[in-house]
PDB file of N, CA and C in Angstrom:
ATOM      1  N   MET A   1      17.970 -15.250 -29.958  1.00  0.00           N
ATOM      2  CA  MET A   1      17.234 -15.042 -31.186  1.00  0.00           C
ATOM      3  C   MET A   1      16.017 -15.955 -31.167  1.00  0.00           C
ATOM      4  N   ASN A   2      14.853 -15.396 -31.361  1.00  0.00           N
ATOM      5  CA  ASN A   2      13.637 -16.190 -31.425  1.00  0.00           C
ATOM      6  C   ASN A   2      13.590 -16.964 -32.732  1.00  0.00           C
ATOM      7  N   LYS A   3      12.878 -18.082 -32.712  1.00  0.00           N
ATOM      8  CA  LYS A   3      12.783 -18.872 -33.935  1.00  0.00           C
ATOM      9  C   LYS A   3      12.058 -18.115 -35.039  1.00  0.00           C
ATOM     10  N   THR A   4      11.251 -17.117 -34.653  1.00  0.00           N
ATOM     11  CA  THR A   4      10.550 -16.318 -35.658  1.00  0.00           C
ATOM     12  C   THR A   4      11.464 -15.264 -36.279  1.00  0.00           C
ATOM     13  N   ASP A   5      12.578 -14.956 -35.612  1.00  0.00           N
ATOM     14  CA  ASP A   5      13.523 -13.970 -36.143  1.00  0.00           C
ATOM     15  C   ASP A   5      14.444 -14.641 -37.153  1.00  0.00           C
ATOM     16  N   ALA A   6      14.497 -14.090 -38.334  1.00  0.00           N
ATOM     17  CA  ALA A   6      15.407 -14.587 -39.351  1.00  0.00           C
ATOM     18  C   ALA A   6      16.597 -13.645 -39.425  1.00  0.00           C
ATOM     19  N   PHE A   7      17.710 -14.179 -39.827  1.00  0.00           N
ATOM     20  CA  PHE A   7      18.910 -13.365 -39.939  1.00  0.00           C
ATOM     21  C   PHE A   7      19.093 -12.952 -41.390  1.00  0.00           C
ATOM     22  N   TYR A   8      19.369 -11.678 -41.603  1.00  0.00           N
ATOM     23  CA  TYR A   8      19.572 -11.136 -42.942  1.00  0.00           C
ATOM     24  C   TYR A   8      20.804 -11.774 -43.580  1.00  0.00           C
ATOM     25  N   ASN A   9      20.722 -12.097 -44.834  1.00  0.00           N
ATOM     26  CA  ASN A   9      21.814 -12.770 -45.544  1.00  0.00           C
ATOM     27  C   ASN A   9      22.826 -11.738 -46.045  1.00  0.00           C
ATOM     28  N   THR A  10      23.688 -11.278 -45.150  1.00  0.00           N
ATOM     29  CA  THR A  10      24.732 -10.304 -45.496  1.00  0.00           C
ATOM     30  C   THR A  10      25.876 -11.038 -46.193  1.00  0.00           C
ATOM     31  N   VAL A  11      26.397 -10.467 -47.254  1.00  0.00           N
ATOM     32  CA  VAL A  11      27.514 -11.103 -47.956  1.00  0.00           C
ATOM     33  C   VAL A  11      28.723 -11.158 -47.023  1.00  0.00           C
ATOM     34  N   PRO A  12      29.526 -12.229 -47.091  1.00  0.00           N
ATOM     35  CA  PRO A  12      30.662 -12.392 -46.166  1.00  0.00           C
ATOM     36  C   PRO A  12      31.626 -11.204 -46.139  1.00  0.00           C
ATOM     37  N   GLU A  13      31.829 -10.535 -47.256  1.00  0.00           N
ATOM     38  CA  GLU A  13      32.754  -9.407 -47.301  1.00  0.00           C
ATOM     39  C   GLU A  13      32.273  -8.226 -46.466  1.00  0.00           C
ATOM     40  N   GLU A  14      31.003  -8.177 -46.137  1.00  0.00           N
ATOM     41  CA  GLU A  14      30.446  -7.067 -45.373  1.00  0.00           C
ATOM     42  C   GLU A  14      30.144  -7.431 -43.923  1.00  0.00           C
ATOM     43  N   GLN A  15      30.380  -8.664 -43.531  1.00  0.00           N
ATOM     44  CA  GLN A  15      30.154  -9.075 -42.147  1.00  0.00           C
ATOM     45  C   GLN A  15      31.321  -8.600 -41.288  1.00  0.00           C
ATOM     46  N   GLU A  16      30.985  -8.142 -40.077  1.00  0.00           N
ATOM     47  CA  GLU A  16      32.032  -7.608 -39.211  1.00  0.00           C
ATOM     48  C   GLU A  16      31.646  -7.760 -37.746  1.00  0.00           C
ATOM     49  N   THR A  17      32.657  -7.731 -36.912  1.00  0.00           N
ATOM     50  CA  THR A  17      32.473  -7.671 -35.473  1.00  0.00           C
ATOM     51  C   THR A  17      33.405  -6.584 -34.965  1.00  0.00           C
ATOM     52  N   ILE A  18      32.845  -5.630 -34.220  1.00  0.00           N
ATOM     53  CA  ILE A  18      33.610  -4.489 -33.728  1.00  0.00           C
ATOM     54  C   ILE A  18      33.537  -4.465 -32.208  1.00  0.00           C
ATOM     55  N   ILE A  19      34.701  -4.359 -31.578  1.00  0.00           N
ATOM     56  CA  ILE A  19      34.783  -4.266 -30.125  1.00  0.00           C
ATOM     57  C   ILE A  19      35.303  -2.881 -29.785  1.00  0.00           C
ATOM     58  N   ASN A  20      34.564  -2.169 -28.950  1.00  0.00           N
ATOM     59  CA  ASN A  20      34.939  -0.819 -28.545  1.00  0.00           C
ATOM     60  C   ASN A  20      35.028  -0.781 -27.023  1.00  0.00           C
ATOM     61  N   VAL A  21      36.194  -0.387 -26.512  1.00  0.00           N
ATOM     62  CA  VAL A  21      36.384  -0.247 -25.067  1.00  0.00           C
ATOM     63  C   VAL A  21      36.292   1.235 -24.743  1.00  0.00           C
ATOM     64  N   ASP A  22      35.263   1.603 -23.985  1.00  0.00           N
ATOM     65  CA  ASP A  22      35.031   2.988 -23.589  1.00  0.00           C
ATOM     66  C   ASP A  22      35.509   3.157 -22.152  1.00  0.00           C
ATOM     67  N   TYR A  23      36.740   3.635 -22.002  1.00  0.00           N
ATOM     68  CA  TYR A  23      37.327   3.779 -20.667  1.00  0.00           C
ATOM     69  C   TYR A  23      36.611   4.864 -19.864  1.00  0.00           C
ATOM     70  N   ALA A  24      36.245   5.957 -20.493  1.00  0.00           N
ATOM     71  CA  ALA A  24      35.567   7.045 -19.784  1.00  0.00           C
ATOM     72  C   ALA A  24      34.185   6.596 -19.295  1.00  0.00           C
ATOM     73  N   GLY A  25      33.490   5.813 -20.112  1.00  0.00           N
ATOM     74  CA  GLY A  25      32.161   5.324 -19.748  1.00  0.00           C
ATOM     75  C   GLY A  25      32.185   4.004 -18.995  1.00  0.00           C
ATOM     76  N   SER A  26      33.374   3.422 -18.830  1.00  0.00           N
ATOM     77  CA  SER A  26      33.554   2.138 -18.125  1.00  0.00           C
ATOM     78  C   SER A  26      32.658   1.038 -18.681  1.00  0.00           C
ATOM     79  N   LYS A  27      32.738   0.866 -20.018  1.00  0.00           N
ATOM     80  CA  LYS A  27      31.927  -0.172 -20.652  1.00  0.00           C
ATOM     81  C   LYS A  27      32.598  -0.690 -21.914  1.00  0.00           C
ATOM     82  N   VAL A  28      32.200  -1.889 -22.290  1.00  0.00           N
ATOM     83  CA  VAL A  28      32.654  -2.514 -23.531  1.00  0.00           C
ATOM     84  C   VAL A  28      31.433  -2.644 -24.427  1.00  0.00           C
ATOM     85  N   SER A  29      31.581  -2.251 -25.682  1.00  0.00           N
ATOM     86  CA  SER A  29      30.505  -2.367 -26.657  1.00  0.00           C
ATOM     87  C   SER A  29      30.949  -3.348 -27.738  1.00  0.00           C
ATOM     88  N   ILE A  30      30.103  -4.312 -28.026  1.00  0.00           N
ATOM     89  CA  ILE A  30      30.408  -5.295 -29.061  1.00  0.00           C
ATOM     90  C   ILE A  30      29.281  -5.273 -30.082  1.00  0.00           C
ATOM     91  N   TYR A  31      29.639  -5.047 -31.339  1.00  0.00           N
ATOM     92  CA  TYR A  31      28.688  -5.056 -32.449  1.00  0.00           C
ATOM     93  C   TYR A  31      29.081  -6.180 -33.396  1.00  0.00           C
ATOM     94  N   THR A  32      28.091  -6.908 -33.890  1.00  0.00           N
ATOM     95  CA  THR A  32      28.372  -7.916 -34.912  1.00  0.00           C
ATOM     96  C   THR A  32      27.237  -7.973 -35.928  1.00  0.00           C
ATOM     97  N   SER A  33      27.605  -8.300 -37.147  1.00  0.00           N
ATOM     98  CA  SER A  33      26.619  -8.547 -38.199  1.00  0.00           C
ATOM     99  C   SER A  33      26.762  -9.981 -38.716  1.00  0.00           C
ATOM    100  N   LYS A  34      27.531 -10.778 -38.020  1.00  0.00           N
ATOM    101  CA  LYS A  34      27.764 -12.178 -38.410  1.00  0.00           C
ATOM    102  C   LYS A  34      26.875 -13.079 -37.561  1.00  0.00           C
ATOM    103  N   LYS A  35      26.076 -13.893 -38.202  1.00  0.00           N
ATOM    104  CA  LYS A  35      25.089 -14.723 -37.518  1.00  0.00           C
ATOM    105  C   LYS A  35      25.713 -15.653 -36.480  1.00  0.00           C
ATOM    106  N   SER A  36      26.792 -16.337 -36.820  1.00  0.00           N
ATOM    107  CA  SER A  36      27.386 -17.295 -35.883  1.00  0.00           C
ATOM    108  C   SER A  36      27.903 -16.602 -34.626  1.00  0.00           C
ATOM    109  N   ILE A  37      28.471 -15.409 -34.771  1.00  0.00           N
ATOM    110  CA  ILE A  37      28.952 -14.646 -33.619  1.00  0.00           C
ATOM    111  C   ILE A  37      27.760 -14.168 -32.793  1.00  0.00           C
ATOM    112  N   TYR A  38      26.722 -13.697 -33.450  1.00  0.00           N
ATOM    113  CA  TYR A  38      25.496 -13.269 -32.779  1.00  0.00           C
ATOM    114  C   TYR A  38      24.953 -14.398 -31.902  1.00  0.00           C
ATOM    115  N   GLU A  39      24.889 -15.593 -32.464  1.00  0.00           N
ATOM    116  CA  GLU A  39      24.352 -16.735 -31.720  1.00  0.00           C
ATOM    117  C   GLU A  39      25.238 -17.118 -30.543  1.00  0.00           C
ATOM    118  N   ARG A  40      26.564 -17.101 -30.730  1.00  0.00           N
ATOM    119  CA  ARG A  40      27.470 -17.456 -29.626  1.00  0.00           C
ATOM    120  C   ARG A  40      27.396 -16.444 -28.488  1.00  0.00           C
ATOM    121  N   ILE A  41      27.383 -15.159 -28.829  1.00  0.00           N
ATOM    122  CA  ILE A  41      27.310 -14.137 -27.785  1.00  0.00           C
ATOM    123  C   ILE A  41      25.957 -14.202 -27.077  1.00  0.00           C
ATOM    124  N   SER A  42      24.881 -14.358 -27.830  1.00  0.00           N
ATOM    125  CA  SER A  42      23.552 -14.452 -27.224  1.00  0.00           C
ATOM    126  C   SER A  42      23.462 -15.631 -26.274  1.00  0.00           C
ATOM    127  N   LYS A  43      24.081 -16.735 -26.645  1.00  0.00           N
ATOM    128  CA  LYS A  43      24.055 -17.925 -25.795  1.00  0.00           C
ATOM    129  C   LYS A  43      24.828 -17.687 -24.494  1.00  0.00           C
ATOM    130  N   LYS A  44      25.929 -16.931 -24.582  1.00  0.00           N
ATOM    131  CA  LYS A  44      26.766 -16.695 -23.405  1.00  0.00           C
ATOM    132  C   LYS A  44      26.215 -15.622 -22.470  1.00  0.00           C
ATOM    133  N   ILE A  45      25.739 -14.501 -23.010  1.00  0.00           N
ATOM    134  CA  ILE A  45      25.322 -13.405 -22.120  1.00  0.00           C
ATOM    135  C   ILE A  45      23.892 -12.922 -22.340  1.00  0.00           C
ATOM    136  N   GLY A  46      23.172 -13.520 -23.251  1.00  0.00           N
ATOM    137  CA  GLY A  46      21.772 -13.136 -23.434  1.00  0.00           C
ATOM    138  C   GLY A  46      21.538 -12.179 -24.592  1.00  0.00           C
ATOM    139  N   GLN A  47      20.349 -11.652 -24.611  1.00  0.00           N
ATOM    140  CA  GLN A  47      19.906 -10.805 -25.717  1.00  0.00           C
ATOM    141  C   GLN A  47      20.704  -9.510 -25.799  1.00  0.00           C
ATOM    142  N   PRO A  48      20.877  -8.999 -27.021  1.00  0.00           N
ATOM    143  CA  PRO A  48      21.637  -7.761 -27.208  1.00  0.00           C
ATOM    144  C   PRO A  48      20.917  -6.535 -26.661  1.00  0.00           C
ATOM    145  N   THR A  49      21.685  -5.495 -26.426  1.00  0.00           N
ATOM    146  CA  THR A  49      21.140  -4.216 -25.991  1.00  0.00           C
ATOM    147  C   THR A  49      20.331  -3.589 -27.124  1.00  0.00           C
ATOM    148  N   ASN A  50      20.852  -3.665 -28.345  1.00  0.00           N
ATOM    149  CA  ASN A  50      20.175  -3.153 -29.543  1.00  0.00           C
ATOM    150  C   ASN A  50      20.241  -4.202 -30.637  1.00  0.00           C
ATOM    151  N   THR A  51      19.155  -4.343 -31.376  1.00  0.00           N
ATOM    152  CA  THR A  51      19.120  -5.240 -32.525  1.00  0.00           C
ATOM    153  C   THR A  51      18.744  -4.403 -33.739  1.00  0.00           C
ATOM    154  N   TYR A  52      19.456  -4.609 -34.844  1.00  0.00           N
ATOM    155  CA  TYR A  52      19.231  -3.842 -36.065  1.00  0.00           C
ATOM    156  C   TYR A  52      18.606  -4.742 -37.113  1.00  0.00           C
ATOM    157  N   TYR A  53      17.647  -4.193 -37.851  1.00  0.00           N
ATOM    158  CA  TYR A  53      16.893  -4.973 -38.832  1.00  0.00           C
ATOM    159  C   TYR A  53      17.019  -4.381 -40.223  1.00  0.00           C
ATOM    160  N   THR A  54      17.035  -5.261 -41.213  1.00  0.00           N
ATOM    161  CA  THR A  54      16.965  -4.902 -42.620  1.00  0.00           C
ATOM    162  C   THR A  54      15.919  -5.814 -43.247  1.00  0.00           C
ATOM    163  N   ASP A  55      14.930  -5.259 -43.886  1.00  0.00           N
ATOM    164  CA  ASP A  55      13.841  -6.039 -44.486  1.00  0.00           C
ATOM    165  C   ASP A  55      13.222  -7.006 -43.473  1.00  0.00           C
ATOM    166  N   LYS A  56      13.017  -6.535 -42.257  1.00  0.00           N
ATOM    167  CA  LYS A  56      12.392  -7.290 -41.162  1.00  0.00           C
ATOM    168  C   LYS A  56      13.201  -8.511 -40.715  1.00  0.00           C
ATOM    169  N   LYS A  57      14.483  -8.529 -41.063  1.00  0.00           N
ATOM    170  CA  LYS A  57      15.388  -9.603 -40.639  1.00  0.00           C
ATOM    171  C   LYS A  57      16.533  -8.982 -39.852  1.00  0.00           C
ATOM    172  N   ILE A  58      17.072  -9.724 -38.900  1.00  0.00           N
ATOM    173  CA  ILE A  58      18.172  -9.220 -38.093  1.00  0.00           C
ATOM    174  C   ILE A  58      19.405  -9.033 -38.983  1.00  0.00           C
ATOM    175  N   SER A  59      19.981  -7.837 -38.960  1.00  0.00           N
ATOM    176  CA  SER A  59      21.184  -7.585 -39.751  1.00  0.00           C
ATOM    177  C   SER A  59      22.386  -7.262 -38.868  1.00  0.00           C
ATOM    178  N   GLY A  60      22.154  -7.122 -37.565  1.00  0.00           N
ATOM    179  CA  GLY A  60      23.249  -6.856 -36.648  1.00  0.00           C
ATOM    180  C   GLY A  60      22.724  -6.649 -35.242  1.00  0.00           C
ATOM    181  N   ALA A  61      23.654  -6.657 -34.294  1.00  0.00           N
ATOM    182  CA  ALA A  61      23.277  -6.460 -32.897  1.00  0.00           C
ATOM    183  C   ALA A  61      24.440  -5.858 -32.125  1.00  0.00           C
ATOM    184  N   ASN A  62      24.101  -5.210 -31.016  1.00  0.00           N
ATOM    185  CA  ASN A  62      25.093  -4.542 -30.183  1.00  0.00           C
ATOM    186  C   ASN A  62      24.828  -4.885 -28.720  1.00  0.00           C
ATOM    187  N   TRP A  63      25.873  -5.270 -28.025  1.00  0.00           N
ATOM    188  CA  TRP A  63      25.806  -5.527 -26.585  1.00  0.00           C
ATOM    189  C   TRP A  63      26.667  -4.484 -25.897  1.00  0.00           C
ATOM    190  N   ILE A  64      26.161  -3.888 -24.819  1.00  0.00           N
ATOM    191  CA  ILE A  64      26.927  -2.952 -24.021  1.00  0.00           C
ATOM    192  C   ILE A  64      27.083  -3.583 -22.638  1.00  0.00           C
ATOM    193  N   ILE A  65      28.337  -3.798 -22.251  1.00  0.00           N
ATOM    194  CA  ILE A  65      28.638  -4.505 -21.010  1.00  0.00           C
ATOM    195  C   ILE A  65      29.448  -3.578 -20.101  1.00  0.00           C
ATOM    196  N   PRO A  66      28.961  -3.300 -18.894  1.00  0.00           N
ATOM    197  CA  PRO A  66      29.726  -2.449 -17.977  1.00  0.00           C
ATOM    198  C   PRO A  66      30.974  -3.177 -17.474  1.00  0.00           C
ATOM    199  N   PHE A  67      32.012  -2.414 -17.168  1.00  0.00           N
ATOM    200  CA  PHE A  67      33.254  -2.996 -16.642  1.00  0.00           C
ATOM    201  C   PHE A  67      32.994  -3.853 -15.410  1.00  0.00           C
ATOM    202  N   SER A  68      31.959  -3.527 -14.644  1.00  0.00           N
ATOM    203  CA  SER A  68      31.666  -4.269 -13.412  1.00  0.00           C
ATOM    204  C   SER A  68      31.233  -5.709 -13.689  1.00  0.00           C
ATOM    205  N   ASP A  69      30.796  -5.992 -14.921  1.00  0.00           N
ATOM    206  CA  ASP A  69      30.376  -7.351 -15.290  1.00  0.00           C
ATOM    207  C   ASP A  69      31.574  -8.097 -15.890  1.00  0.00           C
ATOM    208  N   LYS A  70      32.548  -8.375 -15.046  1.00  0.00           N
ATOM    209  CA  LYS A  70      33.805  -8.980 -15.488  1.00  0.00           C
ATOM    210  C   LYS A  70      33.611 -10.362 -16.094  1.00  0.00           C
ATOM    211  N   LYS A  71      32.681 -11.132 -15.559  1.00  0.00           N
ATOM    212  CA  LYS A  71      32.435 -12.493 -16.059  1.00  0.00           C
ATOM    213  C   LYS A  71      31.987 -12.465 -17.528  1.00  0.00           C
ATOM    214  N   SER A  72      31.058 -11.576 -17.856  1.00  0.00           N
ATOM    215  CA  SER A  72      30.576 -11.480 -19.242  1.00  0.00           C
ATOM    216  C   SER A  72      31.669 -10.987 -20.180  1.00  0.00           C
ATOM    217  N   ILE A  73      32.435  -9.999 -19.737  1.00  0.00           N
ATOM    218  CA  ILE A  73      33.514  -9.472 -20.581  1.00  0.00           C
ATOM    219  C   ILE A  73      34.536 -10.562 -20.866  1.00  0.00           C
ATOM    220  N   THR A  74      34.927 -11.302 -19.826  1.00  0.00           N
ATOM    221  CA  THR A  74      35.895 -12.387 -20.007  1.00  0.00           C
ATOM    222  C   THR A  74      35.340 -13.461 -20.939  1.00  0.00           C
ATOM    223  N   SER A  75      34.076 -13.770 -20.797  1.00  0.00           N
ATOM    224  CA  SER A  75      33.435 -14.787 -21.626  1.00  0.00           C
ATOM    225  C   SER A  75      33.397 -14.383 -23.098  1.00  0.00           C
ATOM    226  N   ILE A  76      33.108 -13.124 -23.344  1.00  0.00           N
ATOM    227  CA  ILE A  76      32.970 -12.644 -24.720  1.00  0.00           C
ATOM    228  C   ILE A  76      34.322 -12.436 -25.398  1.00  0.00           C
ATOM    229  N   LEU A  77      35.288 -11.908 -24.682  1.00  0.00           N
ATOM    230  CA  LEU A  77      36.583 -11.601 -25.286  1.00  0.00           C
ATOM    231  C   LEU A  77      37.485 -12.834 -25.310  1.00  0.00           C
ATOM    232  N   SER A  78      37.036 -13.842 -26.019  1.00  0.00           N
ATOM    233  CA  SER A  78      37.813 -15.070 -26.166  1.00  0.00           C
ATOM    234  C   SER A  78      37.805 -15.495 -27.631  1.00  0.00           C
ATOM    235  N   ARG A  79      38.869 -16.155 -28.059  1.00  0.00           N
ATOM    236  CA  ARG A  79      38.969 -16.591 -29.446  1.00  0.00           C
ATOM    237  C   ARG A  79      37.817 -17.508 -29.864  1.00  0.00           C
ATOM    238  N   PRO A  80      37.437 -18.516 -29.075  1.00  0.00           N
ATOM    239  CA  PRO A  80      36.340 -19.374 -29.522  1.00  0.00           C
ATOM    240  C   PRO A  80      35.026 -18.625 -29.740  1.00  0.00           C
ATOM    241  N   THR A  81      34.784 -17.609 -28.932  1.00  0.00           N
ATOM    242  CA  THR A  81      33.541 -16.842 -29.088  1.00  0.00           C
ATOM    243  C   THR A  81      33.591 -15.939 -30.319  1.00  0.00           C
ATOM    244  N   LEU A  82      34.685 -15.231 -30.494  1.00  0.00           N
ATOM    245  CA  LEU A  82      34.762 -14.234 -31.556  1.00  0.00           C
ATOM    246  C   LEU A  82      35.154 -14.794 -32.915  1.00  0.00           C
ATOM    247  N   ILE A  83      35.913 -15.879 -32.933  1.00  0.00           N
ATOM    248  CA  ILE A  83      36.385 -16.426 -34.210  1.00  0.00           C
ATOM    249  C   ILE A  83      35.815 -17.802 -34.481  1.00  0.00           C
ATOM    250  N   GLY A  84      35.621 -18.588 -33.446  1.00  0.00           N
ATOM    251  CA  GLY A  84      35.133 -19.948 -33.619  1.00  0.00           C
ATOM    252  C   GLY A  84      36.284 -20.924 -33.621  1.00  0.00           C
ATOM    253  N   ASN A  85      35.981 -22.151 -33.916  1.00  0.00           N
ATOM    254  CA  ASN A  85      37.013 -23.177 -33.958  1.00  0.00           C
ATOM    255  C   ASN A  85      37.785 -23.098 -35.259  1.00  0.00           C
ATOM    256  N   ILE A  86      39.080 -22.949 -35.141  1.00  0.00           N
ATOM    257  CA  ILE A  86      39.938 -22.863 -36.317  1.00  0.00           C
ATOM    258  C   ILE A  86      40.242 -24.275 -36.782  1.00  0.00           C
ATOM    259  N   LYS A  87      40.011 -24.523 -38.054  1.00  0.00           N
ATOM    260  CA  LYS A  87      40.207 -25.871 -38.589  1.00  0.00           C
ATOM    261  C   LYS A  87      41.475 -25.958 -39.402  1.00  0.00           C
TER     262      LYS A  87
END
């Protein structure tokens, strides 16, 4: 996320992260509208495949990872990345 990009202030009840495993297409798709998850995934595997905007602010993003990229899939599908540190 560039410093010029602001994140849309989505209410917590509407924030979500969706993981879709497409066996026929041999890919994993991860969508999130939660800023902290967006930042963690971006830090681990880079910029999203698609970024969604509301009022010129980021409101969500989607990463599509092929099955062949096992390192990225393993990195993303972990509790610290998807949930964070449980206190």
